[in-house]
N, C-alpha and C. Protein backbone atom coordinates (compact mmCIF):
# COMPACT_ATOMS: atom_id res chain seq x y z
N MET A 1 -107.57 -70.28 -140.00
CA MET A 1 -106.98 -71.35 -140.76
C MET A 1 -105.56 -70.96 -141.16
N VAL A 2 -104.68 -71.91 -141.09
CA VAL A 2 -103.29 -71.68 -141.43
C VAL A 2 -103.03 -72.26 -142.82
N THR A 3 -102.36 -71.48 -143.64
CA THR A 3 -102.01 -71.94 -144.97
C THR A 3 -100.53 -72.29 -144.98
N VAL A 4 -100.22 -73.48 -145.46
CA VAL A 4 -98.85 -73.95 -145.49
C VAL A 4 -98.49 -74.29 -146.93
N ASP A 5 -97.33 -73.82 -147.34
CA ASP A 5 -96.84 -74.10 -148.68
C ASP A 5 -96.35 -75.54 -148.75
N LYS A 6 -96.69 -76.23 -149.82
CA LYS A 6 -96.29 -77.63 -150.02
C LYS A 6 -94.77 -77.76 -150.02
N LYS A 7 -94.07 -76.78 -150.58
CA LYS A 7 -92.61 -76.83 -150.62
C LYS A 7 -92.02 -76.73 -149.21
N HIS A 8 -92.68 -75.95 -148.35
CA HIS A 8 -92.20 -75.82 -146.98
C HIS A 8 -92.35 -77.16 -146.24
N VAL A 9 -93.48 -77.81 -146.41
CA VAL A 9 -93.71 -79.11 -145.80
C VAL A 9 -92.69 -80.12 -146.32
N SER A 10 -92.46 -80.10 -147.61
CA SER A 10 -91.50 -81.01 -148.23
C SER A 10 -90.10 -80.78 -147.67
N ALA A 11 -89.73 -79.52 -147.51
CA ALA A 11 -88.40 -79.20 -146.97
C ALA A 11 -88.25 -79.70 -145.53
N LEU A 12 -89.29 -79.54 -144.73
CA LEU A 12 -89.24 -80.02 -143.35
C LEU A 12 -89.15 -81.55 -143.29
N LEU A 13 -89.90 -82.22 -144.15
CA LEU A 13 -89.84 -83.67 -144.21
C LEU A 13 -88.47 -84.15 -144.68
N LEU A 14 -87.87 -83.39 -145.59
CA LEU A 14 -86.54 -83.74 -146.08
C LEU A 14 -85.49 -83.62 -144.98
N VAL A 15 -85.58 -82.57 -144.20
CA VAL A 15 -84.66 -82.39 -143.07
C VAL A 15 -84.83 -83.54 -142.07
N GLU A 16 -86.07 -83.89 -141.80
CA GLU A 16 -86.34 -85.00 -140.88
C GLU A 16 -85.77 -86.31 -141.43
N ALA A 17 -85.94 -86.54 -142.72
CA ALA A 17 -85.44 -87.77 -143.34
C ALA A 17 -83.91 -87.83 -143.29
N TYR A 18 -83.25 -86.70 -143.53
CA TYR A 18 -81.78 -86.68 -143.45
C TYR A 18 -81.30 -86.96 -142.02
N ALA A 19 -82.04 -86.47 -141.03
CA ALA A 19 -81.67 -86.73 -139.63
C ALA A 19 -81.81 -88.23 -139.33
N GLU A 20 -82.89 -88.84 -139.79
CA GLU A 20 -83.09 -90.27 -139.60
C GLU A 20 -82.01 -91.07 -140.33
N LYS A 21 -81.66 -90.62 -141.52
CA LYS A 21 -80.62 -91.30 -142.31
C LYS A 21 -79.29 -91.26 -141.55
N HIS A 22 -78.97 -90.11 -141.01
CA HIS A 22 -77.71 -89.96 -140.27
C HIS A 22 -77.67 -90.88 -139.05
N LYS A 23 -78.77 -90.91 -138.28
CA LYS A 23 -78.81 -91.78 -137.09
C LYS A 23 -78.69 -93.25 -137.47
N THR A 24 -79.36 -93.63 -138.55
CA THR A 24 -79.32 -95.02 -138.98
C THR A 24 -77.95 -95.40 -139.52
N GLU A 25 -77.32 -94.50 -140.25
CA GLU A 25 -75.96 -94.76 -140.74
C GLU A 25 -74.99 -94.93 -139.58
N GLU A 26 -75.19 -94.20 -138.50
CA GLU A 26 -74.34 -94.36 -137.33
C GLU A 26 -74.52 -95.75 -136.71
N LYS A 27 -75.75 -96.24 -136.67
CA LYS A 27 -76.01 -97.58 -136.14
C LYS A 27 -75.33 -98.64 -137.01
N VAL A 28 -75.45 -98.49 -138.32
CA VAL A 28 -74.82 -99.43 -139.25
C VAL A 28 -73.30 -99.39 -139.09
N ALA A 29 -72.76 -98.20 -138.92
CA ALA A 29 -71.31 -98.05 -138.76
C ALA A 29 -70.80 -98.74 -137.49
N LEU A 30 -71.62 -98.76 -136.45
CA LEU A 30 -71.22 -99.45 -135.21
C LEU A 30 -71.05 -100.94 -135.45
N PHE A 31 -71.95 -101.54 -136.22
CA PHE A 31 -71.81 -102.96 -136.54
C PHE A 31 -70.60 -103.21 -137.43
N HIS A 32 -70.41 -102.32 -138.37
CA HIS A 32 -69.26 -102.44 -139.27
C HIS A 32 -67.96 -102.38 -138.46
N LYS A 33 -67.92 -101.47 -137.51
CA LYS A 33 -66.73 -101.32 -136.67
C LYS A 33 -66.56 -102.52 -135.73
N LYS A 34 -67.67 -103.00 -135.19
CA LYS A 34 -67.62 -104.11 -134.24
C LYS A 34 -67.06 -105.38 -134.88
N TYR A 35 -67.49 -105.65 -136.13
CA TYR A 35 -67.08 -106.89 -136.80
C TYR A 35 -66.01 -106.67 -137.86
N ASN A 36 -65.72 -105.42 -138.18
CA ASN A 36 -64.69 -105.07 -139.16
C ASN A 36 -64.94 -105.70 -140.54
N ILE A 37 -66.22 -105.87 -140.88
CA ILE A 37 -66.63 -106.36 -142.20
C ILE A 37 -67.94 -105.68 -142.57
N ASP A 38 -68.28 -105.74 -143.85
CA ASP A 38 -69.56 -105.17 -144.26
C ASP A 38 -70.68 -106.19 -144.02
N PHE A 39 -71.91 -105.75 -144.22
CA PHE A 39 -73.05 -106.61 -143.91
C PHE A 39 -73.07 -107.88 -144.75
N ASP A 40 -72.77 -107.77 -146.04
CA ASP A 40 -72.80 -108.95 -146.91
C ASP A 40 -71.83 -110.03 -146.43
N ALA A 41 -70.64 -109.61 -146.04
CA ALA A 41 -69.65 -110.57 -145.53
C ALA A 41 -70.12 -111.16 -144.19
N PHE A 42 -70.73 -110.34 -143.37
CA PHE A 42 -71.24 -110.82 -142.08
C PHE A 42 -72.36 -111.83 -142.30
N GLU A 43 -73.22 -111.55 -143.25
CA GLU A 43 -74.32 -112.45 -143.57
C GLU A 43 -73.80 -113.81 -144.05
N LYS A 44 -72.79 -113.79 -144.90
CA LYS A 44 -72.17 -115.04 -145.36
C LYS A 44 -71.56 -115.81 -144.18
N MET A 45 -70.91 -115.08 -143.29
CA MET A 45 -70.33 -115.70 -142.11
C MET A 45 -71.41 -116.34 -141.24
N MET A 46 -72.54 -115.67 -141.12
CA MET A 46 -73.64 -116.20 -140.32
C MET A 46 -74.16 -117.52 -140.88
N HIS A 47 -74.25 -117.60 -142.19
CA HIS A 47 -74.77 -118.81 -142.82
C HIS A 47 -73.75 -119.94 -142.82
N ALA A 48 -72.48 -119.59 -142.74
CA ALA A 48 -71.42 -120.60 -142.80
C ALA A 48 -71.09 -121.20 -141.43
N ASN A 49 -71.30 -120.44 -140.37
CA ASN A 49 -70.91 -120.89 -139.03
C ASN A 49 -72.08 -121.48 -138.26
N GLU A 50 -71.73 -122.14 -137.15
CA GLU A 50 -72.76 -122.65 -136.26
C GLU A 50 -73.48 -121.48 -135.61
N GLU A 51 -74.66 -121.77 -135.07
CA GLU A 51 -75.47 -120.71 -134.47
C GLU A 51 -74.76 -120.06 -133.29
N ASN A 52 -74.76 -118.75 -133.31
CA ASN A 52 -74.24 -117.94 -132.23
C ASN A 52 -75.32 -116.88 -131.98
N TYR A 53 -75.99 -116.98 -130.85
CA TYR A 53 -77.16 -116.13 -130.62
C TYR A 53 -76.81 -114.65 -130.54
N THR A 54 -75.66 -114.32 -130.04
CA THR A 54 -75.24 -112.91 -130.01
C THR A 54 -75.05 -112.40 -131.42
N HIS A 55 -74.38 -113.18 -132.24
CA HIS A 55 -74.18 -112.78 -133.64
C HIS A 55 -75.52 -112.74 -134.37
N TYR A 56 -76.39 -113.69 -134.08
CA TYR A 56 -77.69 -113.72 -134.74
C TYR A 56 -78.51 -112.47 -134.39
N ASP A 57 -78.48 -112.08 -133.13
CA ASP A 57 -79.19 -110.85 -132.73
C ASP A 57 -78.63 -109.64 -133.47
N ASP A 58 -77.30 -109.56 -133.54
CA ASP A 58 -76.67 -108.46 -134.27
C ASP A 58 -77.03 -108.51 -135.76
N TYR A 59 -77.06 -109.72 -136.31
CA TYR A 59 -77.41 -109.90 -137.72
C TYR A 59 -78.81 -109.36 -137.99
N MET A 60 -79.77 -109.73 -137.15
CA MET A 60 -81.15 -109.29 -137.35
C MET A 60 -81.27 -107.77 -137.22
N GLU A 61 -80.58 -107.21 -136.25
CA GLU A 61 -80.63 -105.77 -136.03
C GLU A 61 -79.97 -105.03 -137.19
N TRP A 62 -78.79 -105.51 -137.62
CA TRP A 62 -78.06 -104.88 -138.72
C TRP A 62 -78.88 -104.94 -140.00
N LYS A 63 -79.49 -106.08 -140.24
CA LYS A 63 -80.33 -106.25 -141.43
C LYS A 63 -81.51 -105.28 -141.40
N ALA A 64 -82.13 -105.13 -140.25
CA ALA A 64 -83.25 -104.20 -140.11
C ALA A 64 -82.81 -102.76 -140.35
N TYR A 65 -81.65 -102.38 -139.81
CA TYR A 65 -81.15 -101.03 -140.05
C TYR A 65 -80.84 -100.80 -141.53
N ASN A 66 -80.31 -101.81 -142.20
CA ASN A 66 -80.04 -101.68 -143.64
C ASN A 66 -81.32 -101.48 -144.43
N ARG A 67 -82.34 -102.24 -144.09
CA ARG A 67 -83.63 -102.09 -144.78
C ARG A 67 -84.24 -100.72 -144.50
N TYR A 68 -84.16 -100.29 -143.25
CA TYR A 68 -84.69 -98.98 -142.90
C TYR A 68 -83.93 -97.88 -143.63
N LEU A 69 -82.62 -98.03 -143.73
CA LEU A 69 -81.80 -97.06 -144.45
C LEU A 69 -82.20 -96.99 -145.93
N ASP A 70 -82.48 -98.13 -146.53
CA ASP A 70 -82.95 -98.16 -147.92
C ASP A 70 -84.27 -97.41 -148.07
N SER A 71 -85.18 -97.60 -147.11
CA SER A 71 -86.47 -96.91 -147.19
C SER A 71 -86.31 -95.40 -146.99
N ILE A 72 -85.38 -95.00 -146.14
CA ILE A 72 -85.13 -93.57 -145.93
C ILE A 72 -84.55 -92.96 -147.21
N LYS A 73 -83.62 -93.65 -147.85
CA LYS A 73 -83.04 -93.14 -149.09
C LYS A 73 -84.11 -92.96 -150.16
N LEU A 74 -85.05 -93.90 -150.22
CA LEU A 74 -86.15 -93.79 -151.18
C LEU A 74 -87.05 -92.60 -150.84
N ARG A 75 -87.32 -92.40 -149.55
CA ARG A 75 -88.13 -91.26 -149.12
C ARG A 75 -87.44 -89.95 -149.48
N ILE A 76 -86.13 -89.88 -149.28
CA ILE A 76 -85.38 -88.67 -149.63
C ILE A 76 -85.46 -88.42 -151.13
N LYS A 77 -85.30 -89.46 -151.91
CA LYS A 77 -85.39 -89.33 -153.37
C LYS A 77 -86.77 -88.81 -153.78
N ASP A 78 -87.82 -89.38 -153.20
CA ASP A 78 -89.17 -88.94 -153.51
C ASP A 78 -89.39 -87.48 -153.12
N LEU A 79 -88.91 -87.11 -151.94
CA LEU A 79 -89.08 -85.73 -151.49
C LEU A 79 -88.32 -84.75 -152.39
N LYS A 80 -87.12 -85.13 -152.81
CA LYS A 80 -86.34 -84.27 -153.70
C LYS A 80 -87.04 -84.11 -155.05
N ASN A 81 -87.72 -85.17 -155.50
CA ASN A 81 -88.41 -85.12 -156.79
C ASN A 81 -89.79 -84.51 -156.70
N GLY A 82 -90.18 -84.09 -155.49
CA GLY A 82 -91.49 -83.48 -155.32
C GLY A 82 -92.63 -84.47 -155.24
N SER A 83 -92.31 -85.73 -155.03
CA SER A 83 -93.35 -86.77 -154.93
C SER A 83 -93.92 -86.77 -153.52
N ILE A 84 -94.80 -85.84 -153.27
CA ILE A 84 -95.42 -85.71 -151.95
C ILE A 84 -96.90 -85.47 -152.15
N GLN A 85 -97.69 -86.14 -151.34
CA GLN A 85 -99.14 -85.98 -151.41
C GLN A 85 -99.64 -85.63 -150.03
N LEU A 86 -100.31 -84.52 -149.93
CA LEU A 86 -100.87 -84.07 -148.65
C LEU A 86 -102.32 -84.50 -148.55
N THR A 87 -102.70 -84.96 -147.36
CA THR A 87 -104.09 -85.39 -147.17
C THR A 87 -104.81 -84.46 -146.23
């Protein structure tokens, strides 16, 4: 049987979460660079203009990355605070 320290598992999960955060931030930055505006401004533009399927696809993807980024930030916060439960 292998014994693993909870802090070691937490540290590994934290490293993994930071890697995911970095990759997701890069995806968000690509949209920011492509449209030269932040997501909120892009969302307002989407609601104000006629349907553009390319923009709509980008909107849905950008929105999903933003939500995923929020969940990663919450996971990092929980891991830093020691909020981890092993099963």
